[in-house]
Amino acid sequence: MTSKYLGLQRDQHVWTYRCRLTNEGDTAATLMGRHWRIVDTDGHVIEVPKGSPGVVGHTPRLLGSDDGDKLSFFEYASGTTLATAVGTMEGSFQMCRDDGTRFDA
């Protein structure tokens, strides 16, 4: 994941980020949801609840090594605003293998 500070706009600090997900496993898996916890330096929290559907309107299926020579990936960009110029972001993606097994990545 990479991030970029875009500056102050309408009294909010604007950040954009780009995330690339790669399936390094043997079997295909579909991104079902996500969870983000974003905290600025004043302690204000923005929470995207676990299981919020997809990312940027997509639920991509990522092929595994059993599906061919190349591992598939999905890349997306999004952003957030903060009250301060500095903050942290952490979270996970909820995935589901073709056999129905679910896991967090």
PDB file of N, CA and C in Angstrom:
ATOM      1  N   MET A   1       0.846  -1.167   0.000  1.00  0.00           N
ATOM      2  CA  MET A   1       0.000   0.000   0.000  1.00  0.00           C
ATOM      3  C   MET A   1       0.890   1.227   0.000  1.00  0.00           C
ATOM      4  N   THR A   2       0.504   2.208  -0.792  1.00  0.00           N
ATOM      5  CA  THR A   2       1.199   3.484  -0.795  1.00  0.00           C
ATOM      6  C   THR A   2       0.182   4.587  -0.517  1.00  0.00           C
ATOM      7  N   SER A   3       0.637   5.673   0.060  1.00  0.00           N
ATOM      8  CA  SER A   3      -0.255   6.788   0.355  1.00  0.00           C
ATOM      9  C   SER A   3       0.384   8.097  -0.090  1.00  0.00           C
ATOM     10  N   LYS A   4      -0.476   9.091  -0.281  1.00  0.00           N
ATOM     11  CA  LYS A   4       0.003  10.405  -0.701  1.00  0.00           C
ATOM     12  C   LYS A   4      -0.874  11.475  -0.063  1.00  0.00           C
ATOM     13  N   TYR A   5      -0.227  12.462   0.502  1.00  0.00           N
ATOM     14  CA  TYR A   5      -0.928  13.591   1.112  1.00  0.00           C
ATOM     15  C   TYR A   5      -1.246  14.615   0.029  1.00  0.00           C
ATOM     16  N   LEU A   6      -2.511  14.985  -0.104  1.00  0.00           N
ATOM     17  CA  LEU A   6      -2.936  15.931  -1.137  1.00  0.00           C
ATOM     18  C   LEU A   6      -3.100  17.352  -0.614  1.00  0.00           C
ATOM     19  N   GLY A   7      -2.991  17.543   0.690  1.00  0.00           N
ATOM     20  CA  GLY A   7      -3.060  18.886   1.246  1.00  0.00           C
ATOM     21  C   GLY A   7      -4.370  19.172   1.951  1.00  0.00           C
ATOM     22  N   LEU A   8      -4.496  20.420   2.357  1.00  0.00           N
ATOM     23  CA  LEU A   8      -5.660  20.881   3.099  1.00  0.00           C
ATOM     24  C   LEU A   8      -6.725  21.373   2.123  1.00  0.00           C
ATOM     25  N   GLN A   9      -7.929  20.809   2.250  1.00  0.00           N
ATOM     26  CA  GLN A   9      -9.050  21.202   1.401  1.00  0.00           C
ATOM     27  C   GLN A   9     -10.294  21.302   2.277  1.00  0.00           C
ATOM     28  N   ARG A  10     -10.916  22.480   2.294  1.00  0.00           N
ATOM     29  CA  ARG A  10     -12.129  22.709   3.092  1.00  0.00           C
ATOM     30  C   ARG A  10     -11.933  22.302   4.563  1.00  0.00           C
ATOM     31  N   ASP A  11     -10.821  22.726   5.134  1.00  0.00           N
ATOM     32  CA  ASP A  11     -10.493  22.465   6.544  1.00  0.00           C
ATOM     33  C   ASP A  11     -10.277  20.990   6.864  1.00  0.00           C
ATOM     34  N   GLN A  12     -10.034  20.164   5.864  1.00  0.00           N
ATOM     35  CA  GLN A  12      -9.736  18.744   6.078  1.00  0.00           C
ATOM     36  C   GLN A  12      -8.430  18.398   5.358  1.00  0.00           C
ATOM     37  N   HIS A  13      -7.647  17.527   5.972  1.00  0.00           N
ATOM     38  CA  HIS A  13      -6.414  17.038   5.350  1.00  0.00           C
ATOM     39  C   HIS A  13      -6.777  15.826   4.500  1.00  0.00           C
ATOM     40  N   VAL A  14      -6.455  15.887   3.226  1.00  0.00           N
ATOM     41  CA  VAL A  14      -6.892  14.876   2.267  1.00  0.00           C
ATOM     42  C   VAL A  14      -5.729  13.933   1.941  1.00  0.00           C
ATOM     43  N   TRP A  15      -6.014  12.648   2.035  1.00  0.00           N
ATOM     44  CA  TRP A  15      -5.050  11.596   1.716  1.00  0.00           C
ATOM     45  C   TRP A  15      -5.633  10.679   0.656  1.00  0.00           C
ATOM     46  N   THR A  16      -4.798  10.203  -0.227  1.00  0.00           N
ATOM     47  CA  THR A  16      -5.194   9.159  -1.166  1.00  0.00           C
ATOM     48  C   THR A  16      -4.264   7.967  -0.927  1.00  0.00           C
ATOM     49  N   TYR A  17      -4.759   6.783  -1.218  1.00  0.00           N
ATOM     50  CA  TYR A  17      -3.913   5.600  -1.079  1.00  0.00           C
ATOM     51  C   TYR A  17      -4.210   4.622  -2.207  1.00  0.00           C
ATOM     52  N   ARG A  18      -3.206   3.838  -2.539  1.00  0.00           N
ATOM     53  CA  ARG A  18      -3.314   2.805  -3.566  1.00  0.00           C
ATOM     54  C   ARG A  18      -2.938   1.475  -2.927  1.00  0.00           C
ATOM     55  N   CYS A  19      -3.770   0.479  -3.160  1.00  0.00           N
ATOM     56  CA  CYS A  19      -3.575  -0.828  -2.545  1.00  0.00           C
ATOM     57  C   CYS A  19      -3.547  -1.894  -3.635  1.00  0.00           C
ATOM     58  N   ARG A  20      -2.590  -2.791  -3.546  1.00  0.00           N
ATOM     59  CA  ARG A  20      -2.482  -3.901  -4.496  1.00  0.00           C
ATOM     60  C   ARG A  20      -2.574  -5.202  -3.716  1.00  0.00           C
ATOM     61  N   LEU A  21      -3.573  -6.024  -4.064  1.00  0.00           N
ATOM     62  CA  LEU A  21      -3.763  -7.330  -3.433  1.00  0.00           C
ATOM     63  C   LEU A  21      -3.318  -8.401  -4.420  1.00  0.00           C
ATOM     64  N   THR A  22      -2.485  -9.317  -3.961  1.00  0.00           N
ATOM     65  CA  THR A  22      -2.007 -10.421  -4.783  1.00  0.00           C
ATOM     66  C   THR A  22      -2.313 -11.733  -4.082  1.00  0.00           C
ATOM     67  N   ASN A  23      -2.850 -12.687  -4.814  1.00  0.00           N
ATOM     68  CA  ASN A  23      -3.099 -14.010  -4.254  1.00  0.00           C
ATOM     69  C   ASN A  23      -1.828 -14.833  -4.411  1.00  0.00           C
ATOM     70  N   GLU A  24      -1.163 -15.133  -3.316  1.00  0.00           N
ATOM     71  CA  GLU A  24       0.056 -15.940  -3.344  1.00  0.00           C
ATOM     72  C   GLU A  24      -0.226 -17.387  -2.960  1.00  0.00           C
ATOM     73  N   GLY A  25      -1.505 -17.719  -2.802  1.00  0.00           N
ATOM     74  CA  GLY A  25      -1.900 -19.078  -2.448  1.00  0.00           C
ATOM     75  C   GLY A  25      -2.143 -19.946  -3.669  1.00  0.00           C
ATOM     76  N   ASP A  26      -2.530 -21.181  -3.413  1.00  0.00           N
ATOM     77  CA  ASP A  26      -2.773 -22.141  -4.493  1.00  0.00           C
ATOM     78  C   ASP A  26      -4.149 -21.983  -5.124  1.00  0.00           C
ATOM     79  N   THR A  27      -5.149 -21.616  -4.316  1.00  0.00           N
ATOM     80  CA  THR A  27      -6.530 -21.592  -4.813  1.00  0.00           C
ATOM     81  C   THR A  27      -7.059 -20.168  -4.934  1.00  0.00           C
ATOM     82  N   ALA A  28      -8.020 -20.016  -5.821  1.00  0.00           N
ATOM     83  CA  ALA A  28      -8.636 -18.706  -6.024  1.00  0.00           C
ATOM     84  C   ALA A  28      -9.378 -18.262  -4.770  1.00  0.00           C
ATOM     85  N   ALA A  29      -9.474 -16.952  -4.605  1.00  0.00           N
ATOM     86  CA  ALA A  29     -10.211 -16.374  -3.478  1.00  0.00           C
ATOM     87  C   ALA A  29     -10.856 -15.074  -3.932  1.00  0.00           C
ATOM     88  N   THR A  30     -12.029 -14.810  -3.372  1.00  0.00           N
ATOM     89  CA  THR A  30     -12.771 -13.595  -3.704  1.00  0.00           C
ATOM     90  C   THR A  30     -12.742 -12.645  -2.519  1.00  0.00           C
ATOM     91  N   LEU A  31     -12.471 -11.380  -2.794  1.00  0.00           N
ATOM     92  CA  LEU A  31     -12.500 -10.358  -1.763  1.00  0.00           C
ATOM     93  C   LEU A  31     -13.961 -10.039  -1.469  1.00  0.00           C
ATOM     94  N   MET A  32     -14.400 -10.331  -0.270  1.00  0.00           N
ATOM     95  CA  MET A  32     -15.804 -10.158   0.110  1.00  0.00           C
ATOM     96  C   MET A  32     -16.049  -8.840   0.843  1.00  0.00           C
ATOM     97  N   GLY A  33     -15.070  -8.409   1.630  1.00  0.00           N
ATOM     98  CA  GLY A  33     -15.276  -7.205   2.424  1.00  0.00           C
ATOM     99  C   GLY A  33     -13.973  -6.665   2.972  1.00  0.00           C
ATOM    100  N   ARG A  34     -14.110  -5.629   3.779  1.00  0.00           N
ATOM    101  CA  ARG A  34     -12.924  -4.992   4.342  1.00  0.00           C
ATOM    102  C   ARG A  34     -13.259  -4.410   5.702  1.00  0.00           C
ATOM    103  N   HIS A  35     -12.199  -4.073   6.428  1.00  0.00           N
ATOM    104  CA  HIS A  35     -12.312  -3.374   7.710  1.00  0.00           C
ATOM    105  C   HIS A  35     -11.156  -2.386   7.781  1.00  0.00           C
ATOM    106  N   TRP A  36     -11.453  -1.133   8.046  1.00  0.00           N
ATOM    107  CA  TRP A  36     -10.412  -0.123   8.220  1.00  0.00           C
ATOM    108  C   TRP A  36     -10.638   0.612   9.523  1.00  0.00           C
ATOM    109  N   ARG A  37      -9.540   0.953  10.166  1.00  0.00           N
ATOM    110  CA  ARG A  37      -9.557   1.810  11.349  1.00  0.00           C
ATOM    111  C   ARG A  37      -8.527   2.899  11.091  1.00  0.00           C
ATOM    112  N   ILE A  38      -9.017   4.128  10.944  1.00  0.00           N
ATOM    113  CA  ILE A  38      -8.164   5.267  10.627  1.00  0.00           C
ATOM    114  C   ILE A  38      -8.220   6.219  11.818  1.00  0.00           C
ATOM    115  N   VAL A  39      -7.044   6.603  12.328  1.00  0.00           N
ATOM    116  CA  VAL A  39      -6.977   7.432  13.537  1.00  0.00           C
ATOM    117  C   VAL A  39      -6.075   8.633  13.261  1.00  0.00           C
ATOM    118  N   ASP A  40      -6.570   9.852  13.534  1.00  0.00           N
ATOM    119  CA  ASP A  40      -5.712  11.025  13.379  1.00  0.00           C
ATOM    120  C   ASP A  40      -4.962  11.278  14.688  1.00  0.00           C
ATOM    121  N   THR A  41      -4.062  12.255  14.690  1.00  0.00           N
ATOM    122  CA  THR A  41      -3.221  12.486  15.870  1.00  0.00           C
ATOM    123  C   THR A  41      -3.983  13.077  17.055  1.00  0.00           C
ATOM    124  N   ASP A  42      -5.217  13.542  16.820  1.00  0.00           N
ATOM    125  CA  ASP A  42      -6.065  13.984  17.933  1.00  0.00           C
ATOM    126  C   ASP A  42      -6.868  12.827  18.532  1.00  0.00           C
ATOM    127  N   GLY A  43      -6.710  11.636  17.957  1.00  0.00           N
ATOM    128  CA  GLY A  43      -7.413  10.467  18.467  1.00  0.00           C
ATOM    129  C   GLY A  43      -8.782  10.228  17.856  1.00  0.00           C
ATOM    130  N   HIS A  44      -9.187  11.044  16.890  1.00  0.00           N
ATOM    131  CA  HIS A  44     -10.469  10.816  16.217  1.00  0.00           C
ATOM    132  C   HIS A  44     -10.373   9.573  15.345  1.00  0.00           C
ATOM    133  N   VAL A  45     -11.395   8.730  15.412  1.00  0.00           N
ATOM    134  CA  VAL A  45     -11.374   7.442  14.718  1.00  0.00           C
ATOM    135  C   VAL A  45     -12.425   7.429  13.607  1.00  0.00           C
ATOM    136  N   ILE A  46     -12.003   6.969  12.443  1.00  0.00           N
ATOM    137  CA  ILE A  46     -12.924   6.661  11.346  1.00  0.00           C
ATOM    138  C   ILE A  46     -12.882   5.149  11.212  1.00  0.00           C
ATOM    139  N   GLU A  47     -14.021   4.516  11.356  1.00  0.00           N
ATOM    140  CA  GLU A  47     -14.076   3.050  11.324  1.00  0.00           C
ATOM    141  C   GLU A  47     -14.941   2.606  10.146  1.00  0.00           C
ATOM    142  N   VAL A  48     -14.369   1.754   9.302  1.00  0.00           N
ATOM    143  CA  VAL A  48     -15.147   1.056   8.277  1.00  0.00           C
ATOM    144  C   VAL A  48     -15.380  -0.335   8.857  1.00  0.00           C
ATOM    145  N   PRO A  49     -16.625  -0.673   9.196  1.00  0.00           N
ATOM    146  CA  PRO A  49     -16.886  -1.923   9.923  1.00  0.00           C
ATOM    147  C   PRO A  49     -16.452  -3.168   9.157  1.00  0.00           C
ATOM    148  N   LYS A  50     -15.986  -4.172   9.902  1.00  0.00           N
ATOM    149  CA  LYS A  50     -15.598  -5.442   9.299  1.00  0.00           C
ATOM    150  C   LYS A  50     -16.780  -6.007   8.509  1.00  0.00           C
ATOM    151  N   GLY A  51     -16.483  -6.471   7.315  1.00  0.00           N
ATOM    152  CA  GLY A  51     -17.515  -7.038   6.468  1.00  0.00           C
ATOM    153  C   GLY A  51     -18.168  -6.029   5.542  1.00  0.00           C
ATOM    154  N   SER A  52     -17.749  -4.752   5.619  1.00  0.00           N
ATOM    155  CA  SER A  52     -18.281  -3.780   4.663  1.00  0.00           C
ATOM    156  C   SER A  52     -17.975  -4.297   3.266  1.00  0.00           C
ATOM    157  N   PRO A  53     -18.973  -4.335   2.389  1.00  0.00           N
ATOM    158  CA  PRO A  53     -18.827  -5.077   1.130  1.00  0.00           C
ATOM    159  C   PRO A  53     -17.770  -4.527   0.181  1.00  0.00           C
ATOM    160  N   GLY A  54     -16.948  -5.449  -0.327  1.00  0.00           N
ATOM    161  CA  GLY A  54     -16.000  -5.152  -1.394  1.00  0.00           C
ATOM    162  C   GLY A  54     -15.086  -3.980  -1.123  1.00  0.00           C
ATOM    163  N   VAL A  55     -14.466  -3.496  -2.195  1.00  0.00           N
ATOM    164  CA  VAL A  55     -13.656  -2.274  -2.166  1.00  0.00           C
ATOM    165  C   VAL A  55     -13.982  -1.485  -3.431  1.00  0.00           C
ATOM    166  N   VAL A  56     -14.192  -0.214  -3.282  1.00  0.00           N
ATOM    167  CA  VAL A  56     -14.555   0.700  -4.376  1.00  0.00           C
ATOM    168  C   VAL A  56     -15.559   0.066  -5.351  1.00  0.00           C
ATOM    169  N   GLY A  57     -16.568  -0.612  -4.786  1.00  0.00           N
ATOM    170  CA  GLY A  57     -17.627  -1.194  -5.607  1.00  0.00           C
ATOM    171  C   GLY A  57     -17.292  -2.519  -6.272  1.00  0.00           C
ATOM    172  N   HIS A  58     -16.177  -3.130  -5.908  1.00  0.00           N
ATOM    173  CA  HIS A  58     -15.745  -4.387  -6.541  1.00  0.00           C
ATOM    174  C   HIS A  58     -15.564  -5.496  -5.517  1.00  0.00           C
ATOM    175  N   THR A  59     -15.827  -6.719  -5.941  1.00  0.00           N
ATOM    176  CA  THR A  59     -15.511  -7.921  -5.164  1.00  0.00           C
ATOM    177  C   THR A  59     -14.711  -8.855  -6.078  1.00  0.00           C
ATOM    178  N   PRO A  60     -13.438  -8.519  -6.304  1.00  0.00           N
ATOM    179  CA  PRO A  60     -12.645  -9.257  -7.282  1.00  0.00           C
ATOM    180  C   PRO A  60     -12.323 -10.690  -6.850  1.00  0.00           C
ATOM    181  N   ARG A  61     -12.272 -11.569  -7.823  1.00  0.00           N
ATOM    182  CA  ARG A  61     -11.830 -12.955  -7.622  1.00  0.00           C
ATOM    183  C   ARG A  61     -10.378 -13.034  -8.073  1.00  0.00           C
ATOM    184  N   LEU A  62      -9.501 -13.422  -7.155  1.00  0.00           N
ATOM    185  CA  LEU A  62      -8.068 -13.498  -7.436  1.00  0.00           C
ATOM    186  C   LEU A  62      -7.675 -14.948  -7.648  1.00  0.00           C
ATOM    187  N   LEU A  63      -7.147 -15.250  -8.810  1.00  0.00           N
ATOM    188  CA  LEU A  63      -6.735 -16.614  -9.134  1.00  0.00           C
ATOM    189  C   LEU A  63      -5.544 -17.024  -8.287  1.00  0.00           C
ATOM    190  N   GLY A  64      -5.441 -18.308  -8.002  1.00  0.00           N
ATOM    191  CA  GLY A  64      -4.291 -18.854  -7.292  1.00  0.00           C
ATOM    192  C   GLY A  64      -3.353 -19.556  -8.250  1.00  0.00           C
ATOM    193  N   SER A  65      -2.272 -20.105  -7.735  1.00  0.00           N
ATOM    194  CA  SER A  65      -1.282 -20.757  -8.595  1.00  0.00           C
ATOM    195  C   SER A  65      -1.837 -22.012  -9.269  1.00  0.00           C
ATOM    196  N   ASP A  66      -2.863 -22.652  -8.677  1.00  0.00           N
ATOM    197  CA  ASP A  66      -3.484 -23.817  -9.319  1.00  0.00           C
ATOM    198  C   ASP A  66      -4.246 -23.444 -10.590  1.00  0.00           C
ATOM    199  N   ASP A  67      -4.516 -22.153 -10.784  1.00  0.00           N
ATOM    200  CA  ASP A  67      -5.286 -21.688 -11.930  1.00  0.00           C
ATOM    201  C   ASP A  67      -4.414 -21.300 -13.120  1.00  0.00           C
ATOM    202  N   GLY A  68      -3.133 -21.533 -13.040  1.00  0.00           N
ATOM    203  CA  GLY A  68      -2.231 -21.180 -14.141  1.00  0.00           C
ATOM    204  C   GLY A  68      -0.888 -20.740 -13.619  1.00  0.00           C
ATOM    205  N   ASP A  69      -0.067 -20.284 -14.533  1.00  0.00           N
ATOM    206  CA  ASP A  69       1.301 -19.901 -14.191  1.00  0.00           C
ATOM    207  C   ASP A  69       1.386 -18.564 -13.455  1.00  0.00           C
ATOM    208  N   LYS A  70       0.429 -17.685 -13.706  1.00  0.00           N
ATOM    209  CA  LYS A  70       0.520 -16.356 -13.118  1.00  0.00           C
ATOM    210  C   LYS A  70      -0.470 -16.201 -11.965  1.00  0.00           C
ATOM    211  N   LEU A  71      -0.015 -15.555 -10.920  1.00  0.00           N
ATOM    212  CA  LEU A  71      -0.905 -15.205  -9.811  1.00  0.00           C
ATOM    213  C   LEU A  71      -1.627 -13.922 -10.196  1.00  0.00           C
ATOM    214  N   SER A  72      -2.890 -13.836  -9.874  1.00  0.00           N
ATOM    215  CA  SER A  72      -3.624 -12.627 -10.226  1.00  0.00           C
ATOM    216  C   SER A  72      -3.569 -11.612  -9.099  1.00  0.00           C
ATOM    217  N   PHE A  73      -3.865 -10.371  -9.457  1.00  0.00           N
ATOM    218  CA  PHE A  73      -3.869  -9.295  -8.479  1.00  0.00           C
ATOM    219  C   PHE A  73      -5.013  -8.342  -8.789  1.00  0.00           C
ATOM    220  N   PHE A  74      -5.320  -7.498  -7.815  1.00  0.00           N
ATOM    221  CA  PHE A  74      -6.307  -6.441  -7.966  1.00  0.00           C
ATOM    222  C   PHE A  74      -5.715  -5.205  -7.329  1.00  0.00           C
ATOM    223  N   GLU A  75      -5.789  -4.092  -8.013  1.00  0.00           N
ATOM    224  CA  GLU A  75      -5.250  -2.842  -7.499  1.00  0.00           C
ATOM    225  C   GLU A  75      -6.345  -1.785  -7.525  1.00  0.00           C
ATOM    226  N   TYR A  76      -6.422  -0.997  -6.464  1.00  0.00           N
ATOM    227  CA  TYR A  76      -7.416   0.068  -6.428  1.00  0.00           C
ATOM    228  C   TYR A  76      -6.867   1.283  -5.690  1.00  0.00           C
ATOM    229  N   ALA A  77      -7.505   2.410  -5.922  1.00  0.00           N
ATOM    230  CA  ALA A  77      -7.149   3.645  -5.239  1.00  0.00           C
ATOM    231  C   ALA A  77      -8.387   4.190  -4.540  1.00  0.00           C
ATOM    232  N   SER A  78      -8.162   4.803  -3.398  1.00  0.00           N
ATOM    233  CA  SER A  78      -9.245   5.412  -2.643  1.00  0.00           C
ATOM    234  C   SER A  78      -8.642   6.540  -1.818  1.00  0.00           C
ATOM    235  N   GLY A  79      -9.397   7.076  -0.882  1.00  0.00           N
ATOM    236  CA  GLY A  79      -8.874   8.163  -0.081  1.00  0.00           C
ATOM    237  C   GLY A  79      -9.683   8.375   1.175  1.00  0.00           C
ATOM    238  N   THR A  80      -9.193   9.294   1.991  1.00  0.00           N
ATOM    239  CA  THR A  80      -9.873   9.653   3.233  1.00  0.00           C
ATOM    240  C   THR A  80      -9.488  11.072   3.609  1.00  0.00           C
ATOM    241  N   THR A  81     -10.257  11.657   4.481  1.00  0.00           N
ATOM    242  CA  THR A  81      -9.924  12.976   5.025  1.00  0.00           C
ATOM    243  C   THR A  81      -9.730  12.846   6.533  1.00  0.00           C
ATOM    244  N   LEU A  82      -8.841  13.663   7.051  1.00  0.00           N
ATOM    245  CA  LEU A  82      -8.550  13.695   8.484  1.00  0.00           C
ATOM    246  C   LEU A  82      -8.589  15.128   8.982  1.00  0.00           C
ATOM    247  N   ALA A  83      -8.847  15.286  10.271  1.00  0.00           N
ATOM    248  CA  ALA A  83      -8.816  16.615  10.881  1.00  0.00           C
ATOM    249  C   ALA A  83      -7.384  17.096  11.085  1.00  0.00           C
ATOM    250  N   THR A  84      -6.425  16.168  11.113  1.00  0.00           N
ATOM    251  CA  THR A  84      -5.009  16.499  11.281  1.00  0.00           C
ATOM    252  C   THR A  84      -4.226  16.016  10.064  1.00  0.00           C
ATOM    253  N   ALA A  85      -3.004  16.509   9.931  1.00  0.00           N
ATOM    254  CA  ALA A  85      -2.184  16.156   8.768  1.00  0.00           C
ATOM    255  C   ALA A  85      -1.534  14.783   8.881  1.00  0.00           C
ATOM    256  N   VAL A  86      -1.594  14.191  10.072  1.00  0.00           N
ATOM    257  CA  VAL A  86      -0.944  12.904  10.306  1.00  0.00           C
ATOM    258  C   VAL A  86      -1.957  11.940  10.914  1.00  0.00           C
ATOM    259  N   GLY A  87      -1.848  10.666  10.552  1.00  0.00           N
ATOM    260  CA  GLY A  87      -2.714   9.651  11.126  1.00  0.00           C
ATOM    261  C   GLY A  87      -2.204   8.269  10.784  1.00  0.00           C
ATOM    262  N   THR A  88      -2.938   7.265  11.225  1.00  0.00           N
ATOM    263  CA  THR A  88      -2.589   5.882  10.923  1.00  0.00           C
ATOM    264  C   THR A  88      -3.807   5.177  10.345  1.00  0.00           C
ATOM    265  N   MET A  89      -3.525   4.122   9.586  1.00  0.00           N
ATOM    266  CA  MET A  89      -4.591   3.318   8.988  1.00  0.00           C
ATOM    267  C   MET A  89      -4.186   1.857   9.088  1.00  0.00           C
ATOM    268  N   GLU A  90      -5.099   1.049   9.582  1.00  0.00           N
ATOM    269  CA  GLU A  90      -4.850  -0.390   9.656  1.00  0.00           C
ATOM    270  C   GLU A  90      -6.153  -1.107   9.398  1.00  0.00           C
ATOM    271  N   GLY A  91      -6.063  -2.357   9.021  1.00  0.00           N
ATOM    272  CA  GLY A  91      -7.284  -3.106   8.775  1.00  0.00           C
ATOM    273  C   GLY A  91      -7.023  -4.430   8.099  1.00  0.00           C
ATOM    274  N   SER A  92      -8.086  -4.972   7.518  1.00  0.00           N
ATOM    275  CA  SER A  92      -7.973  -6.284   6.873  1.00  0.00           C
ATOM    276  C   SER A  92      -9.006  -6.404   5.764  1.00  0.00           C
ATOM    277  N   PHE A  93      -8.790  -7.410   4.936  1.00  0.00           N
ATOM    278  CA  PHE A  93      -9.731  -7.773   3.890  1.00  0.00           C
ATOM    279  C   PHE A  93     -10.316  -9.130   4.240  1.00  0.00           C
ATOM    280  N   GLN A  94     -11.619  -9.289   4.061  1.00  0.00           N
ATOM    281  CA  GLN A  94     -12.260 -10.574   4.298  1.00  0.00           C
ATOM    282  C   GLN A  94     -12.355 -11.285   2.945  1.00  0.00           C
ATOM    283  N   MET A  95     -11.791 -12.484   2.910  1.00  0.00           N
ATOM    284  CA  MET A  95     -11.673 -13.253   1.670  1.00  0.00           C
ATOM    285  C   MET A  95     -12.445 -14.567   1.799  1.00  0.00           C
ATOM    286  N   CYS A  96     -12.835 -15.129   0.644  1.00  0.00           N
ATOM    287  CA  CYS A  96     -13.510 -16.421   0.617  1.00  0.00           C
ATOM    288  C   CYS A  96     -12.947 -17.251  -0.532  1.00  0.00           C
ATOM    289  N   ARG A  97     -12.407 -18.436  -0.190  1.00  0.00           N
ATOM    290  CA  ARG A  97     -11.924 -19.365  -1.218  1.00  0.00           C
ATOM    291  C   ARG A  97     -13.106 -19.987  -1.943  1.00  0.00           C
ATOM    292  N   ASP A  98     -12.855 -20.580  -3.103  1.00  0.00           N
ATOM    293  CA  ASP A  98     -13.917 -21.199  -3.888  1.00  0.00           C
ATOM    294  C   ASP A  98     -14.614 -22.333  -3.127  1.00  0.00           C
ATOM    295  N   ASP A  99     -13.893 -22.961  -2.177  1.00  0.00           N
ATOM    296  CA  ASP A  99     -14.514 -24.038  -1.405  1.00  0.00           C
ATOM    297  C   ASP A  99     -15.348 -23.524  -0.233  1.00  0.00           C
ATOM    298  N   GLY A 100     -15.449 -22.186  -0.093  1.00  0.00           N
ATOM    299  CA  GLY A 100     -16.253 -21.597   0.966  1.00  0.00           C
ATOM    300  C   GLY A 100     -15.479 -21.213   2.212  1.00  0.00           C
ATOM    301  N   THR A 101     -14.206 -21.598   2.293  1.00  0.00           N
ATOM    302  CA  THR A 101     -13.371 -21.233   3.436  1.00  0.00           C
ATOM    303  C   THR A 101     -13.148 -19.728   3.461  1.00  0.00           C
ATOM    304  N   ARG A 102     -13.393 -19.130   4.617  1.00  0.00           N
ATOM    305  CA  ARG A 102     -13.219 -17.690   4.765  1.00  0.00           C
ATOM    306  C   ARG A 102     -11.963 -17.400   5.603  1.00  0.00           C
ATOM    307  N   PHE A 103     -11.308 -16.287   5.288  1.00  0.00           N
ATOM    308  CA  PHE A 103     -10.127 -15.883   6.047  1.00  0.00           C
ATOM    309  C   PHE A 103      -9.927 -14.389   5.900  1.00  0.00           C
ATOM    310  N   ASP A 104      -9.181 -13.823   6.841  1.00  0.00           N
ATOM    311  CA  ASP A 104      -8.791 -12.411   6.783  1.00  0.00           C
ATOM    312  C   ASP A 104      -7.386 -12.299   6.233  1.00  0.00           C
ATOM    313  N   ALA A 105      -7.187 -11.300   5.409  1.00  0.00           N
ATOM    314  CA  ALA A 105      -5.847 -11.024   4.863  1.00  0.00           C
ATOM    315  C   ALA A 105      -5.485  -9.601   5.204  1.00  0.00           C
TER     316      ALA A 105
END
